[in-house]
Amino acid sequence: MTNNEIEKRLEILEAEVALLKSKTEKTGNVGKPWYKQIPKFGGNPAYEEATRLGREYRESQKDFEDD
C-alpha cells in the first residue's frame, strides 16, 4: 500500500469518526454507560403484566423450596 493510499484511507476514517462523534453528541449519550442508554419498558401494559406474572411464579417456587 502506498503512502497516498494510506493517507486517503486515514482521511476517510477520520471523517467517519467525526460523523459518529457528532451523532453521539446530538443524542446526549456522551459519557453514559451503554446500559443506561437502553430505553426502559415502564408504562407498557404487556411488559408490566409479564413482570407481574414472573414475580408471582418466582414467589410460588419459594413455597416448594421450603418443603
N, C-alpha and C. Protein backbone atom coordinates (compact mmCIF):
# COMPACT_ATOMS: atom_id res chain seq x y z
N MET A 1 0.86 -1.17 0.00
CA MET A 1 0.00 0.00 0.00
C MET A 1 0.90 1.24 0.00
N THR A 2 0.59 2.16 -0.86
CA THR A 2 1.41 3.37 -0.97
C THR A 2 1.03 4.38 0.10
N ASN A 3 1.89 5.34 0.28
CA ASN A 3 1.61 6.39 1.26
C ASN A 3 0.34 7.16 0.90
N ASN A 4 0.12 7.40 -0.39
CA ASN A 4 -1.09 8.12 -0.82
C ASN A 4 -2.35 7.33 -0.47
N GLU A 5 -2.30 6.01 -0.67
CA GLU A 5 -3.46 5.17 -0.34
C GLU A 5 -3.72 5.18 1.17
N ILE A 6 -2.66 5.11 1.94
CA ILE A 6 -2.79 5.15 3.39
C ILE A 6 -3.37 6.48 3.85
N GLU A 7 -2.90 7.57 3.27
CA GLU A 7 -3.41 8.89 3.63
C GLU A 7 -4.88 9.03 3.28
N LYS A 8 -5.30 8.50 2.12
CA LYS A 8 -6.71 8.56 1.73
C LYS A 8 -7.58 7.76 2.71
N ARG A 9 -7.13 6.56 3.05
CA ARG A 9 -7.90 5.74 3.99
C ARG A 9 -7.99 6.40 5.35
N LEU A 10 -6.90 7.04 5.77
CA LEU A 10 -6.89 7.73 7.05
C LEU A 10 -7.86 8.91 7.03
N GLU A 11 -7.91 9.65 5.95
CA GLU A 11 -8.85 10.77 5.83
C GLU A 11 -10.30 10.27 5.92
N ILE A 12 -10.57 9.16 5.24
CA ILE A 12 -11.92 8.59 5.27
C ILE A 12 -12.29 8.17 6.69
N LEU A 13 -11.37 7.49 7.36
CA LEU A 13 -11.63 7.05 8.73
C LEU A 13 -11.84 8.23 9.67
N GLU A 14 -11.04 9.27 9.52
CA GLU A 14 -11.20 10.46 10.36
C GLU A 14 -12.56 11.10 10.14
N ALA A 15 -13.01 11.13 8.90
CA ALA A 15 -14.33 11.71 8.59
C ALA A 15 -15.43 10.87 9.22
N GLU A 16 -15.30 9.54 9.15
CA GLU A 16 -16.31 8.66 9.73
C GLU A 16 -16.36 8.79 11.26
N VAL A 17 -15.20 8.91 11.88
CA VAL A 17 -15.15 9.08 13.33
C VAL A 17 -15.80 10.40 13.72
N ALA A 18 -15.52 11.45 12.96
CA ALA A 18 -16.12 12.75 13.25
C ALA A 18 -17.65 12.68 13.13
N LEU A 19 -18.13 11.97 12.12
CA LEU A 19 -19.58 11.81 11.94
C LEU A 19 -20.19 11.05 13.12
N LEU A 20 -19.55 9.97 13.54
CA LEU A 20 -20.07 9.21 14.68
C LEU A 20 -20.06 10.03 15.96
N LYS A 21 -19.01 10.81 16.16
CA LYS A 21 -18.94 11.67 17.34
C LYS A 21 -20.06 12.70 17.34
N SER A 22 -20.32 13.29 16.17
CA SER A 22 -21.38 14.30 16.11
C SER A 22 -22.75 13.68 16.37
N LYS A 23 -22.98 12.46 15.90
CA LYS A 23 -24.25 11.78 16.16
C LYS A 23 -24.40 11.49 17.65
N THR A 24 -23.34 11.07 18.28
CA THR A 24 -23.37 10.76 19.71
C THR A 24 -23.65 12.01 20.52
N GLU A 25 -23.03 13.11 20.15
CA GLU A 25 -23.23 14.37 20.88
C GLU A 25 -24.65 14.87 20.72
N LYS A 26 -25.27 14.65 19.56
CA LYS A 26 -26.64 15.10 19.33
C LYS A 26 -27.64 14.34 20.19
N THR A 27 -27.38 13.05 20.43
CA THR A 27 -28.32 12.25 21.21
C THR A 27 -28.16 12.47 22.70
N GLY A 28 -27.07 13.08 23.11
CA GLY A 28 -26.87 13.36 24.53
C GLY A 28 -26.37 12.16 25.32
N ASN A 29 -25.88 11.14 24.64
CA ASN A 29 -25.42 9.94 25.32
C ASN A 29 -23.92 9.96 25.61
N VAL A 30 -23.32 11.11 25.53
CA VAL A 30 -21.88 11.20 25.75
C VAL A 30 -21.58 10.87 27.20
N GLY A 31 -20.70 9.93 27.41
CA GLY A 31 -20.26 9.58 28.74
C GLY A 31 -21.18 8.66 29.52
N LYS A 32 -22.36 8.33 28.99
CA LYS A 32 -23.27 7.43 29.69
C LYS A 32 -22.88 5.99 29.38
N PRO A 33 -22.90 5.11 30.38
CA PRO A 33 -22.64 3.70 30.11
C PRO A 33 -23.71 3.13 29.18
N TRP A 34 -23.38 2.10 28.45
CA TRP A 34 -24.31 1.53 27.47
C TRP A 34 -25.62 1.09 28.11
N TYR A 35 -25.55 0.56 29.33
CA TYR A 35 -26.77 0.03 29.95
C TYR A 35 -27.72 1.13 30.40
N LYS A 36 -27.24 2.36 30.51
CA LYS A 36 -28.13 3.46 30.85
C LYS A 36 -28.74 4.09 29.60
N GLN A 37 -28.26 3.70 28.43
CA GLN A 37 -28.79 4.23 27.18
C GLN A 37 -29.94 3.39 26.64
N ILE A 38 -30.17 2.21 27.24
CA ILE A 38 -31.25 1.34 26.79
C ILE A 38 -32.57 1.88 27.31
N PRO A 39 -33.56 2.03 26.45
CA PRO A 39 -34.84 2.57 26.92
C PRO A 39 -35.51 1.63 27.92
N LYS A 40 -36.23 2.21 28.82
CA LYS A 40 -36.96 1.44 29.82
C LYS A 40 -38.32 1.04 29.25
N PHE A 41 -38.87 -0.03 29.80
CA PHE A 41 -40.14 -0.53 29.30
C PHE A 41 -41.32 -0.11 30.17
N GLY A 42 -41.07 0.65 31.21
CA GLY A 42 -42.14 1.05 32.11
C GLY A 42 -43.27 1.73 31.38
N GLY A 43 -44.47 1.46 31.83
CA GLY A 43 -45.64 2.07 31.21
C GLY A 43 -46.25 1.22 30.11
N ASN A 44 -45.58 0.16 29.70
CA ASN A 44 -46.10 -0.73 28.67
C ASN A 44 -46.92 -1.81 29.38
N PRO A 45 -48.23 -1.88 29.14
CA PRO A 45 -49.08 -2.83 29.86
C PRO A 45 -48.64 -4.29 29.70
N ALA A 46 -48.20 -4.67 28.51
CA ALA A 46 -47.77 -6.05 28.29
C ALA A 46 -46.53 -6.36 29.11
N TYR A 47 -45.60 -5.42 29.16
CA TYR A 47 -44.38 -5.61 29.95
C TYR A 47 -44.71 -5.68 31.44
N GLU A 48 -45.59 -4.81 31.89
CA GLU A 48 -45.98 -4.80 33.30
C GLU A 48 -46.64 -6.13 33.68
N GLU A 49 -47.49 -6.66 32.80
CA GLU A 49 -48.16 -7.93 33.07
C GLU A 49 -47.15 -9.07 33.11
N ALA A 50 -46.22 -9.09 32.18
CA ALA A 50 -45.19 -10.14 32.17
C ALA A 50 -44.34 -10.06 33.43
N THR A 51 -44.01 -8.87 33.86
CA THR A 51 -43.24 -8.70 35.10
C THR A 51 -44.01 -9.22 36.30
N ARG A 52 -45.28 -8.90 36.37
CA ARG A 52 -46.11 -9.35 37.48
C ARG A 52 -46.22 -10.88 37.50
N LEU A 53 -46.47 -11.48 36.34
CA LEU A 53 -46.58 -12.93 36.27
C LEU A 53 -45.26 -13.61 36.63
N GLY A 54 -44.16 -13.06 36.18
CA GLY A 54 -42.86 -13.62 36.52
C GLY A 54 -42.59 -13.56 38.01
N ARG A 55 -42.95 -12.44 38.63
CA ARG A 55 -42.78 -12.28 40.07
C ARG A 55 -43.64 -13.31 40.82
N GLU A 56 -44.91 -13.45 40.39
CA GLU A 56 -45.79 -14.42 41.03
C GLU A 56 -45.24 -15.83 40.92
N TYR A 57 -44.72 -16.18 39.76
CA TYR A 57 -44.16 -17.52 39.56
C TYR A 57 -42.96 -17.74 40.48
N ARG A 58 -42.05 -16.79 40.53
CA ARG A 58 -40.87 -16.95 41.39
C ARG A 58 -41.27 -17.08 42.85
N GLU A 59 -42.25 -16.30 43.27
CA GLU A 59 -42.71 -16.38 44.66
C GLU A 59 -43.37 -17.73 44.93
N SER A 60 -44.08 -18.29 43.96
CA SER A 60 -44.72 -19.59 44.15
C SER A 60 -43.67 -20.70 44.26
N GLN A 61 -42.53 -20.53 43.63
CA GLN A 61 -41.46 -21.53 43.71
C GLN A 61 -40.79 -21.53 45.07
N LYS A 62 -40.83 -20.43 45.77
CA LYS A 62 -40.23 -20.35 47.10
C LYS A 62 -40.96 -21.30 48.05
N ASP A 63 -42.27 -21.46 47.88
CA ASP A 63 -43.05 -22.35 48.74
C ASP A 63 -42.56 -23.80 48.59
N PHE A 64 -42.20 -24.21 47.37
CA PHE A 64 -41.73 -25.55 47.13
C PHE A 64 -40.32 -25.77 47.69
N GLU A 65 -39.51 -24.74 47.68
CA GLU A 65 -38.15 -24.85 48.20
C GLU A 65 -38.14 -25.03 49.70
N ASP A 66 -39.11 -24.49 50.40
CA ASP A 66 -39.17 -24.59 51.85
C ASP A 66 -39.50 -26.00 52.33
N ASP A 67 -40.19 -26.78 51.49
CA ASP A 67 -40.63 -28.13 51.91
C ASP A 67 -39.49 -29.10 52.05
